[in-house]
Amino acid sequence: MKHISIILLALMSLVHPAGQDLYACKNVQISLFSAAPIEDIAATSNAGTSVFNAATGDILFSINIPTFKFRKSLMEEHFNSDYLESDKYPRATFKGKIQEHIDVTKNGTYPVTATGELDVHGVKQTRTIPGSIIVNNGTLTLTSEFVVKCVDHHIEIPKIVFHNIAESIQMKVSATYAAAK
């Protein structure tokens, strides 16, 4: 936990040194879902971190891969050792910029797109990801749904289990931000 706090503080200082218009979330909820003919695979984590600079639109996300929890321990083991190789690539990150300006002083729902670099399994891809930010009395909630293709991040699926795992993984992200102090 101390390691995550240090990373979050370092990221916040990079995004905006004065700390104004800076929002942080230390418990980003991320879920993944893979529909496959034999068995669906689903996992969740509440251990992601994120920083959003409302003045510049800069946004950063980081998730420790082994924090994803599956309903079956064997799925979790294979996910970490065989597919995501979390011993070699322990984190997935997104560093980008929200294209639309969000007025954090006005309550409302704002559709947004973030363009940046998604780094999964040590492979960086430039992505534009849609989402929504809800402003409610100074609290910001960001939600997003997008697809990650295994091939784009060199995640190999052995032929023997090809029918068990989809080539595309549906991702859902939810982060509730508070003003950084």
Protein backbone atom coordinates (compact mmCIF):
# COMPACT_ATOMS: atom_id res chain seq x y z
CA MET A 1 0.00 0.00 0.00
CA LYS A 2 2.90 2.34 0.78
CA HIS A 3 4.29 1.63 -2.71
CA ILE A 4 0.98 2.65 -4.32
CA SER A 5 0.82 5.88 -2.30
CA ILE A 6 4.34 6.84 -3.36
CA ILE A 7 3.51 6.17 -7.03
CA LEU A 8 0.29 8.19 -6.73
CA LEU A 9 2.12 11.15 -5.16
CA ALA A 10 4.82 11.01 -7.84
CA LEU A 11 2.21 10.92 -10.60
CA MET A 12 0.34 13.85 -9.05
CA SER A 13 3.49 15.95 -8.95
CA LEU A 14 4.17 15.18 -12.62
CA VAL A 15 0.66 16.07 -13.70
CA HIS A 16 0.44 19.42 -11.94
CA PRO A 17 2.99 20.70 -9.45
CA ALA A 18 0.67 23.11 -7.63
CA GLY A 19 -2.01 20.48 -7.00
CA GLN A 20 -4.84 22.72 -8.16
CA ASP A 21 -7.61 21.12 -10.22
CA LEU A 22 -6.11 17.75 -9.30
CA TYR A 23 -8.32 14.76 -8.50
CA ALA A 24 -7.25 11.34 -7.26
CA CYS A 25 -8.81 7.91 -6.85
CA LYS A 26 -7.03 5.16 -4.90
CA ASN A 27 -9.62 2.42 -5.45
CA VAL A 28 -10.44 2.34 -9.16
CA GLN A 29 -12.76 -0.55 -9.92
CA ILE A 30 -11.78 -2.49 -13.02
CA SER A 31 -13.49 -5.58 -14.34
CA LEU A 32 -12.73 -7.80 -17.29
CA PHE A 33 -14.99 -10.23 -19.09
CA SER A 34 -14.26 -12.78 -21.77
CA ALA A 35 -17.19 -14.61 -23.37
CA ALA A 36 -16.11 -17.97 -24.71
CA PRO A 37 -17.98 -21.06 -25.96
CA ILE A 38 -16.94 -23.34 -23.10
CA GLU A 39 -16.75 -20.98 -20.11
CA ASP A 40 -16.98 -17.23 -19.55
CA ILE A 41 -14.12 -15.64 -17.67
CA ALA A 42 -14.67 -12.69 -15.35
CA ALA A 43 -12.45 -10.89 -12.85
CA THR A 44 -12.48 -7.69 -10.83
CA SER A 45 -10.07 -5.47 -8.95
CA ASN A 46 -10.71 -2.50 -6.68
CA ALA A 47 -7.02 -1.68 -6.38
CA GLY A 48 -6.42 0.64 -9.33
CA THR A 49 -5.14 4.18 -8.88
CA SER A 50 -5.79 7.24 -11.00
CA VAL A 51 -5.03 10.94 -11.14
CA PHE A 52 -6.96 13.46 -13.23
CA ASN A 53 -5.94 17.07 -13.84
CA ALA A 54 -9.15 18.94 -14.70
CA ALA A 55 -7.21 22.00 -15.91
CA THR A 56 -5.11 20.16 -18.50
CA GLY A 57 -7.17 17.02 -19.12
CA ASP A 58 -4.20 14.79 -18.26
CA ILE A 59 -5.27 11.44 -16.84
CA LEU A 60 -3.28 8.49 -15.50
CA PHE A 61 -4.38 5.00 -14.48
CA SER A 62 -2.37 2.16 -12.98
CA ILE A 63 -3.44 -1.34 -11.92
CA ASN A 64 -1.37 -4.08 -10.35
CA ILE A 65 -2.29 -7.16 -12.44
CA PRO A 66 -2.22 -9.71 -9.57
CA THR A 67 -5.01 -7.78 -7.79
CA PHE A 68 -7.60 -9.15 -10.24
CA LYS A 69 -9.74 -11.76 -8.48
CA PHE A 70 -11.50 -14.59 -10.31
CA ARG A 71 -14.26 -16.88 -9.07
CA LYS A 72 -11.95 -19.87 -9.68
CA SER A 73 -8.42 -19.88 -8.30
CA LEU A 74 -7.13 -21.90 -11.27
CA MET A 75 -8.33 -19.17 -13.68
CA GLU A 76 -6.52 -16.57 -11.59
CA GLU A 77 -3.34 -18.64 -11.60
CA HIS A 78 -3.39 -19.13 -15.38
CA PHE A 79 -4.25 -15.46 -15.97
CA ASN A 80 -1.20 -14.32 -13.98
CA SER A 81 1.34 -16.96 -15.00
CA ASP A 82 0.39 -18.02 -18.54
CA TYR A 83 -1.33 -15.03 -20.16
CA LEU A 84 -0.45 -11.72 -18.49
CA GLU A 85 2.86 -13.01 -17.08
CA SER A 86 2.41 -10.72 -14.09
CA ASP A 87 5.81 -11.66 -12.67
CA LYS A 88 7.41 -9.96 -15.73
CA TYR A 89 4.69 -7.35 -16.39
CA PRO A 90 3.11 -6.58 -13.00
CA ARG A 91 1.26 -3.39 -14.03
CA ALA A 92 -1.06 -2.15 -16.71
CA THR A 93 -1.23 1.62 -17.22
CA PHE A 94 -2.98 4.25 -19.27
CA LYS A 95 -1.49 7.73 -19.64
CA GLY A 96 -3.46 10.15 -21.74
CA LYS A 97 -5.51 13.28 -22.10
CA ILE A 98 -9.26 13.80 -21.99
CA GLN A 99 -10.13 15.70 -25.14
CA GLU A 100 -13.16 17.57 -23.80
CA HIS A 101 -13.04 20.28 -21.14
CA ILE A 102 -14.96 19.36 -17.99
CA ASP A 103 -16.36 22.16 -15.85
CA VAL A 104 -15.86 20.63 -12.41
CA THR A 105 -17.88 23.47 -10.84
CA LYS A 106 -21.10 22.46 -12.65
CA ASN A 107 -22.98 19.30 -11.81
CA GLY A 108 -23.78 17.17 -14.82
CA THR A 109 -22.84 14.24 -16.99
CA TYR A 110 -20.12 14.82 -19.56
CA PRO A 111 -19.34 12.35 -22.38
CA VAL A 112 -15.56 12.21 -22.84
CA THR A 113 -12.84 10.56 -24.88
CA ALA A 114 -9.32 10.01 -23.64
CA THR A 115 -6.46 9.57 -26.09
CA GLY A 116 -3.22 8.14 -24.84
CA GLU A 117 -1.01 5.12 -24.36
CA LEU A 118 -2.37 1.86 -22.98
CA ASP A 119 0.44 -0.36 -21.68
CA VAL A 120 -0.56 -3.98 -21.09
CA HIS A 121 1.84 -6.94 -20.99
CA GLY A 122 4.74 -4.60 -21.78
CA VAL A 123 3.20 -3.53 -25.11
CA LYS A 124 2.11 0.08 -25.58
CA GLN A 125 -0.78 0.94 -27.89
CA THR A 126 -2.13 4.39 -28.72
CA ARG A 127 -5.85 4.27 -27.95
CA THR A 128 -8.85 6.58 -27.89
CA ILE A 129 -11.20 5.37 -25.17
CA PRO A 130 -14.75 6.65 -24.65
CA GLY A 131 -16.22 7.34 -21.25
CA SER A 132 -18.37 9.55 -19.12
CA ILE A 133 -17.64 11.86 -16.20
CA ILE A 134 -20.36 12.74 -13.72
CA VAL A 135 -19.74 15.86 -11.63
CA ASN A 136 -21.72 15.93 -8.39
CA ASN A 137 -20.91 18.64 -5.84
CA GLY A 138 -17.15 18.46 -6.31
CA THR A 139 -16.93 14.68 -6.66
CA LEU A 140 -16.09 13.29 -10.10
CA THR A 141 -17.03 9.79 -11.22
CA LEU A 142 -15.52 8.44 -14.43
CA THR A 143 -16.87 5.33 -16.13
CA SER A 144 -15.67 3.66 -19.30
CA GLU A 145 -16.13 0.47 -21.28
CA PHE A 146 -13.72 -0.65 -23.98
CA VAL A 147 -12.20 -3.74 -25.56
CA VAL A 148 -8.62 -4.95 -25.33
CA LYS A 149 -7.52 -7.38 -28.04
CA CYS A 150 -5.05 -9.97 -26.80
CA VAL A 151 -3.11 -9.89 -30.08
CA ASP A 152 -2.53 -6.11 -29.73
CA HIS A 153 -0.55 -6.71 -26.53
CA HIS A 154 1.18 -9.95 -27.56
CA ILE A 155 -0.88 -12.03 -25.13
CA GLU A 156 -0.67 -15.52 -26.53
CA ILE A 157 -3.53 -17.98 -26.18
CA PRO A 158 -2.36 -21.59 -26.53
CA LYS A 159 -4.26 -23.53 -29.21
CA ILE A 160 -5.30 -26.16 -26.66
CA VAL A 161 -7.42 -23.58 -24.76
CA PHE A 162 -8.28 -21.36 -27.72
CA HIS A 163 -12.00 -22.17 -27.35
CA ASN A 164 -11.92 -21.30 -23.63
CA ILE A 165 -10.67 -17.74 -24.02
CA ALA A 166 -11.91 -14.98 -26.30
CA GLU A 167 -9.49 -12.97 -28.40
CA SER A 168 -11.01 -9.74 -27.09
CA ILE A 169 -11.53 -8.80 -23.46
CA GLN A 170 -14.32 -6.41 -22.43
CA MET A 171 -13.07 -3.93 -19.82
CA LYS A 172 -15.15 -1.77 -17.46
CA VAL A 173 -13.61 1.01 -15.39
CA SER A 174 -15.18 3.08 -12.63
CA ALA A 175 -13.29 5.70 -10.61
CA THR A 176 -14.66 8.15 -8.06
CA TYR A 177 -12.29 11.08 -7.63
CA ALA A 178 -11.89 13.50 -4.78
CA ALA A 179 -9.93 16.72 -4.92
CA ALA A 180 -6.27 15.99 -4.11
CA LYS A 181 -5.03 17.79 -1.07
